[in-house]
Structure formats: C-alpha cells, structure tokens
C-alpha cells in the first residue's frame, strides 16, 4: 500500500508536465512538500536519558527487558533440548547398527 502523499505525487507529475508547468519553478512550496526527506535522527542516547530520569519509564523498560530475556532463555532452552533429543536418537541408531533406517 502506498501513502496518500505518494499517490498524489504520482498523479500530479504527469498532469503538471502535460500543462507545461515546471513545478520546481512555479510551485516551490508544493514541490518541497512532496519531496521525500530523510527522517530527522533522534538525539544520541535519548532513550537512555529517559530511562535514567523517569522512574516510571525505567520500571516499564526493565519489565520489558526482563520479559524479552525470559523469552530468549525459553527459546534457547527449547532449542538445546531438541538438539539433545536428536543427538540421543542418532546415538540410538548408530548403537543398534540400523543404518538403513537412518536414511
């Protein structure tokens, strides 16, 4: 999906060209409004300053960080368990000498 501004830009360009209007010369404000500009970067360490200065924001940030770490640890534990189970199955196949079943 395109934004309304992008659709307007696409519709205006051929119309202005057909009318012989050079938008950069005749409509500088409209041209400026329709021109894409890079987003202004946030101040460095702005979130860190907010975490340090606002106790409520700090509590929320720490709670979200703890939840993310718990999710990561649960995922890591599940992957390790799957790998260990696969290793045990492989050991069992190798130990029984049933190589035809492994393929």
N, C-alpha and C. Protein backbone atom coordinates (compact mmCIF):
# COMPACT_ATOMS: atom_id res chain seq x y z
N UNK A 1 0.84 -1.17 0.00
CA UNK A 1 0.00 0.00 0.00
C UNK A 1 0.88 1.24 0.00
N UNK A 2 0.50 2.20 -0.79
CA UNK A 2 1.25 3.43 -0.82
C UNK A 2 0.51 4.49 -0.02
N UNK A 3 1.27 5.45 0.41
CA UNK A 3 0.68 6.51 1.22
C UNK A 3 -0.10 7.47 0.32
N UNK A 4 -1.02 8.22 0.89
CA UNK A 4 -1.77 9.19 0.09
C UNK A 4 -0.86 10.22 -0.56
N UNK A 5 0.22 10.60 0.13
CA UNK A 5 1.15 11.57 -0.43
C UNK A 5 1.85 11.00 -1.66
N UNK A 6 2.21 9.72 -1.61
CA UNK A 6 2.86 9.09 -2.76
C UNK A 6 1.90 9.01 -3.94
N UNK A 7 0.64 8.66 -3.66
CA UNK A 7 -0.34 8.60 -4.75
C UNK A 7 -0.58 9.98 -5.35
N UNK A 8 -0.61 11.01 -4.52
CA UNK A 8 -0.79 12.38 -5.01
C UNK A 8 0.39 12.77 -5.89
N UNK A 9 1.60 12.41 -5.47
CA UNK A 9 2.80 12.73 -6.24
C UNK A 9 2.75 12.06 -7.61
N UNK A 10 2.31 10.80 -7.64
CA UNK A 10 2.23 10.07 -8.90
C UNK A 10 1.18 10.68 -9.82
N UNK A 11 0.07 11.13 -9.25
CA UNK A 11 -1.00 11.72 -10.07
C UNK A 11 -0.67 13.14 -10.54
N UNK A 12 0.03 13.90 -9.71
CA UNK A 12 0.31 15.29 -10.07
C UNK A 12 1.39 15.43 -11.13
N UNK A 13 2.41 14.59 -11.10
CA UNK A 13 3.55 14.75 -12.00
C UNK A 13 3.14 14.77 -13.48
N UNK A 14 2.40 13.78 -13.98
CA UNK A 14 2.03 13.84 -15.41
C UNK A 14 1.10 15.01 -15.73
N UNK A 15 0.23 15.33 -14.80
CA UNK A 15 -0.71 16.44 -15.04
C UNK A 15 0.04 17.76 -15.18
N UNK A 16 0.99 17.98 -14.30
CA UNK A 16 1.76 19.22 -14.36
C UNK A 16 2.64 19.27 -15.60
N UNK A 17 3.21 18.12 -15.98
CA UNK A 17 4.01 18.09 -17.20
C UNK A 17 3.15 18.36 -18.43
N UNK A 18 1.95 17.79 -18.46
CA UNK A 18 1.05 17.99 -19.61
C UNK A 18 0.63 19.45 -19.70
N UNK A 19 0.47 20.11 -18.58
CA UNK A 19 0.07 21.52 -18.59
C UNK A 19 1.25 22.44 -18.87
N UNK A 20 2.45 21.90 -18.95
CA UNK A 20 3.61 22.72 -19.25
C UNK A 20 4.12 23.48 -18.04
N UNK A 21 3.73 23.08 -16.88
CA UNK A 21 4.16 23.78 -15.67
C UNK A 21 5.39 23.07 -15.12
N UNK A 22 6.39 23.81 -14.86
CA UNK A 22 7.57 23.25 -14.21
C UNK A 22 7.40 23.48 -12.71
N UNK A 23 7.04 22.40 -11.99
CA UNK A 23 6.68 22.58 -10.58
C UNK A 23 7.78 23.16 -9.73
N UNK A 24 9.04 22.87 -10.05
CA UNK A 24 10.12 23.41 -9.22
C UNK A 24 10.21 24.92 -9.33
N UNK A 25 9.88 25.44 -10.49
CA UNK A 25 9.97 26.88 -10.68
C UNK A 25 8.70 27.61 -10.27
N UNK A 26 7.56 27.04 -10.60
CA UNK A 26 6.29 27.74 -10.36
C UNK A 26 5.64 27.41 -9.03
N UNK A 27 5.87 26.20 -8.52
CA UNK A 27 5.23 25.78 -7.27
C UNK A 27 6.27 25.26 -6.28
N UNK A 28 7.15 26.13 -5.81
CA UNK A 28 8.24 25.62 -4.96
C UNK A 28 7.75 25.04 -3.63
N UNK A 29 6.71 25.63 -3.06
CA UNK A 29 6.22 25.10 -1.78
C UNK A 29 5.60 23.72 -1.94
N UNK A 30 4.83 23.53 -2.99
CA UNK A 30 4.25 22.22 -3.26
C UNK A 30 5.34 21.20 -3.54
N UNK A 31 6.34 21.60 -4.33
CA UNK A 31 7.45 20.71 -4.62
C UNK A 31 8.17 20.32 -3.34
N UNK A 32 8.39 21.29 -2.45
CA UNK A 32 9.06 20.99 -1.19
C UNK A 32 8.22 20.03 -0.34
N UNK A 33 6.90 20.22 -0.34
CA UNK A 33 6.03 19.36 0.46
C UNK A 33 5.99 17.93 -0.09
N UNK A 34 6.13 17.77 -1.38
CA UNK A 34 6.07 16.46 -1.99
C UNK A 34 7.42 15.76 -2.07
N UNK A 35 8.49 16.44 -1.74
CA UNK A 35 9.82 15.86 -1.81
C UNK A 35 10.10 15.03 -0.57
N UNK A 36 10.63 13.84 -0.81
CA UNK A 36 10.99 12.98 0.32
C UNK A 36 12.26 13.52 0.97
N UNK A 37 12.25 13.54 2.27
CA UNK A 37 13.41 13.97 3.03
C UNK A 37 13.72 12.90 4.06
N UNK A 38 14.99 12.71 4.38
CA UNK A 38 15.32 11.71 5.40
C UNK A 38 14.75 12.12 6.75
N UNK A 39 14.38 11.13 7.53
CA UNK A 39 13.84 11.40 8.86
C UNK A 39 14.92 12.02 9.72
N UNK A 40 14.51 12.92 10.58
CA UNK A 40 15.48 13.55 11.46
C UNK A 40 15.89 12.54 12.53
N UNK A 41 17.17 12.36 12.70
CA UNK A 41 17.62 11.36 13.68
C UNK A 41 17.35 11.84 15.10
N UNK A 42 17.07 10.89 15.96
CA UNK A 42 16.86 11.20 17.37
C UNK A 42 18.21 11.54 18.00
N UNK A 43 18.15 12.28 19.06
CA UNK A 43 19.38 12.63 19.76
C UNK A 43 20.04 11.35 20.28
N UNK A 44 21.36 11.30 20.22
CA UNK A 44 22.04 10.10 20.73
C UNK A 44 21.73 9.91 22.21
N UNK A 45 21.50 8.70 22.58
CA UNK A 45 21.24 8.31 23.96
C UNK A 45 19.97 8.94 24.54
N UNK A 46 19.02 9.33 23.68
CA UNK A 46 17.79 9.96 24.17
C UNK A 46 17.00 8.99 25.04
N UNK A 47 16.93 7.73 24.63
CA UNK A 47 16.18 6.76 25.43
C UNK A 47 16.89 6.48 26.75
N UNK A 48 18.22 6.46 26.72
CA UNK A 48 18.98 6.25 27.95
C UNK A 48 18.74 7.38 28.94
N UNK A 49 18.68 8.60 28.44
CA UNK A 49 18.40 9.75 29.30
C UNK A 49 17.01 9.62 29.90
N UNK A 50 16.05 9.18 29.09
CA UNK A 50 14.68 8.99 29.58
C UNK A 50 14.62 7.89 30.63
N UNK A 51 15.36 6.81 30.41
CA UNK A 51 15.39 5.71 31.39
C UNK A 51 15.97 6.18 32.71
N UNK A 52 17.03 6.98 32.63
CA UNK A 52 17.69 7.45 33.85
C UNK A 52 16.88 8.50 34.60
N UNK A 53 16.11 9.30 33.88
CA UNK A 53 15.43 10.42 34.54
C UNK A 53 14.00 10.12 34.96
N UNK A 54 13.33 9.15 34.33
CA UNK A 54 11.92 8.88 34.62
C UNK A 54 11.77 7.51 35.28
N UNK A 55 11.44 7.46 36.57
CA UNK A 55 11.33 6.17 37.25
C UNK A 55 10.25 5.26 36.67
N UNK A 56 9.13 5.83 36.23
CA UNK A 56 8.06 5.01 35.66
C UNK A 56 8.52 4.38 34.34
N UNK A 57 9.19 5.17 33.52
CA UNK A 57 9.70 4.65 32.25
C UNK A 57 10.78 3.61 32.50
N UNK A 58 11.62 3.83 33.51
CA UNK A 58 12.66 2.87 33.87
C UNK A 58 12.03 1.54 34.28
N UNK A 59 10.98 1.59 35.09
CA UNK A 59 10.32 0.36 35.52
C UNK A 59 9.71 -0.39 34.33
N UNK A 60 9.07 0.35 33.43
CA UNK A 60 8.49 -0.26 32.24
C UNK A 60 9.58 -0.87 31.36
N UNK A 61 10.67 -0.14 31.17
CA UNK A 61 11.77 -0.63 30.34
C UNK A 61 12.37 -1.90 30.94
N UNK A 62 12.59 -1.90 32.24
CA UNK A 62 13.17 -3.08 32.90
C UNK A 62 12.23 -4.28 32.82
N UNK A 63 10.92 -4.03 32.97
CA UNK A 63 9.96 -5.13 32.87
C UNK A 63 9.96 -5.72 31.46
N UNK A 64 9.99 -4.87 30.44
CA UNK A 64 10.03 -5.36 29.05
C UNK A 64 11.34 -6.09 28.77
N UNK A 65 12.44 -5.58 29.32
CA UNK A 65 13.73 -6.23 29.14
C UNK A 65 13.74 -7.61 29.80
N UNK A 66 13.20 -7.70 31.01
CA UNK A 66 13.12 -8.99 31.69
C UNK A 66 12.27 -9.98 30.91
N UNK A 67 11.14 -9.53 30.38
CA UNK A 67 10.27 -10.41 29.59
C UNK A 67 10.99 -10.89 28.33
N UNK A 68 11.71 -10.00 27.68
CA UNK A 68 12.45 -10.39 26.48
C UNK A 68 13.55 -11.39 26.81
N UNK A 69 14.22 -11.19 27.93
CA UNK A 69 15.27 -12.13 28.33
C UNK A 69 14.69 -13.49 28.69
N UNK A 70 13.54 -13.52 29.35
CA UNK A 70 12.89 -14.79 29.68
C UNK A 70 12.46 -15.52 28.41
N UNK A 71 11.92 -14.79 27.43
CA UNK A 71 11.54 -15.40 26.16
C UNK A 71 12.76 -15.97 25.45
N UNK A 72 13.85 -15.21 25.44
CA UNK A 72 15.07 -15.67 24.79
C UNK A 72 15.60 -16.93 25.47
N UNK A 73 15.60 -16.94 26.81
CA UNK A 73 16.10 -18.09 27.55
C UNK A 73 15.21 -19.32 27.30
N UNK A 74 13.89 -19.13 27.26
CA UNK A 74 12.98 -20.25 26.99
C UNK A 74 13.21 -20.81 25.59
N UNK A 75 13.39 -19.94 24.61
CA UNK A 75 13.65 -20.38 23.25
C UNK A 75 14.98 -21.13 23.17
N UNK A 76 15.99 -20.59 23.82
CA UNK A 76 17.31 -21.23 23.82
C UNK A 76 17.24 -22.60 24.48
N UNK A 77 16.53 -22.70 25.60
CA UNK A 77 16.40 -23.98 26.30
C UNK A 77 15.67 -25.00 25.41
N UNK A 78 14.63 -24.57 24.73
CA UNK A 78 13.89 -25.48 23.85
C UNK A 78 14.76 -25.97 22.71
N UNK A 79 15.57 -25.09 22.14
CA UNK A 79 16.45 -25.50 21.05
C UNK A 79 17.49 -26.49 21.54
N UNK A 80 18.06 -26.22 22.71
CA UNK A 80 19.06 -27.14 23.27
C UNK A 80 18.43 -28.50 23.54
N UNK A 81 17.21 -28.53 24.06
CA UNK A 81 16.53 -29.80 24.31
C UNK A 81 16.28 -30.56 23.01
N UNK A 82 15.89 -29.85 21.96
CA UNK A 82 15.67 -30.50 20.66
C UNK A 82 16.98 -31.08 20.12
N UNK A 83 18.06 -30.35 20.27
CA UNK A 83 19.35 -30.84 19.79
C UNK A 83 19.78 -32.07 20.57
N UNK A 84 19.60 -32.02 21.89
CA UNK A 84 19.96 -33.18 22.71
C UNK A 84 19.11 -34.40 22.37
N UNK A 85 17.81 -34.20 22.11
CA UNK A 85 16.94 -35.32 21.73
C UNK A 85 17.37 -35.90 20.38
N UNK A 86 17.73 -35.03 19.44
CA UNK A 86 18.19 -35.51 18.13
C UNK A 86 19.50 -36.26 18.28
N UNK A 87 20.38 -35.79 19.15
CA UNK A 87 21.65 -36.48 19.38
C UNK A 87 21.41 -37.86 19.99
N UNK A 88 20.47 -37.95 20.92
CA UNK A 88 20.16 -39.25 21.54
C UNK A 88 19.59 -40.22 20.50
N UNK A 89 18.70 -39.72 19.62
CA UNK A 89 18.15 -40.58 18.56
C UNK A 89 19.25 -41.06 17.62
N UNK A 90 20.18 -40.16 17.31
CA UNK A 90 21.29 -40.53 16.43
C UNK A 90 22.19 -41.56 17.09
N UNK A 91 22.46 -41.38 18.38
CA UNK A 91 23.26 -42.36 19.12
C UNK A 91 22.57 -43.73 19.15
N UNK A 92 21.25 -43.71 19.34
CA UNK A 92 20.50 -44.97 19.36
C UNK A 92 20.56 -45.65 18.00
N UNK A 93 20.44 -44.91 16.92
CA UNK A 93 20.52 -45.51 15.59
C UNK A 93 21.90 -46.07 15.31
N UNK A 94 22.92 -45.34 15.70
CA UNK A 94 24.29 -45.80 15.47
C UNK A 94 24.58 -47.01 16.35
N UNK A 95 24.11 -46.99 17.59
CA UNK A 95 24.35 -48.08 18.52
C UNK A 95 23.71 -49.38 18.09
N UNK A 96 22.55 -49.33 17.46
CA UNK A 96 21.85 -50.53 17.04
C UNK A 96 22.35 -51.05 15.70
N UNK A 97 23.12 -50.26 14.99
CA UNK A 97 23.64 -50.68 13.70
C UNK A 97 22.59 -50.69 12.61
N UNK A 98 21.49 -49.99 12.80
CA UNK A 98 20.40 -49.96 11.83
C UNK A 98 20.59 -48.73 10.93
N UNK A 99 21.56 -48.82 10.01
CA UNK A 99 21.89 -47.68 9.17
C UNK A 99 20.86 -47.47 8.06
N UNK A 100 20.13 -48.48 7.65
CA UNK A 100 19.12 -48.35 6.61
C UNK A 100 17.96 -47.52 7.06
N UNK A 101 17.63 -47.57 8.35
CA UNK A 101 16.51 -46.80 8.89
C UNK A 101 16.85 -45.32 9.04
N UNK A 102 18.14 -45.00 9.17
CA UNK A 102 18.56 -43.62 9.38
C UNK A 102 18.30 -42.78 8.13
N UNK A 103 18.38 -43.38 6.97
CA UNK A 103 18.21 -42.63 5.74
C UNK A 103 16.77 -42.49 5.45
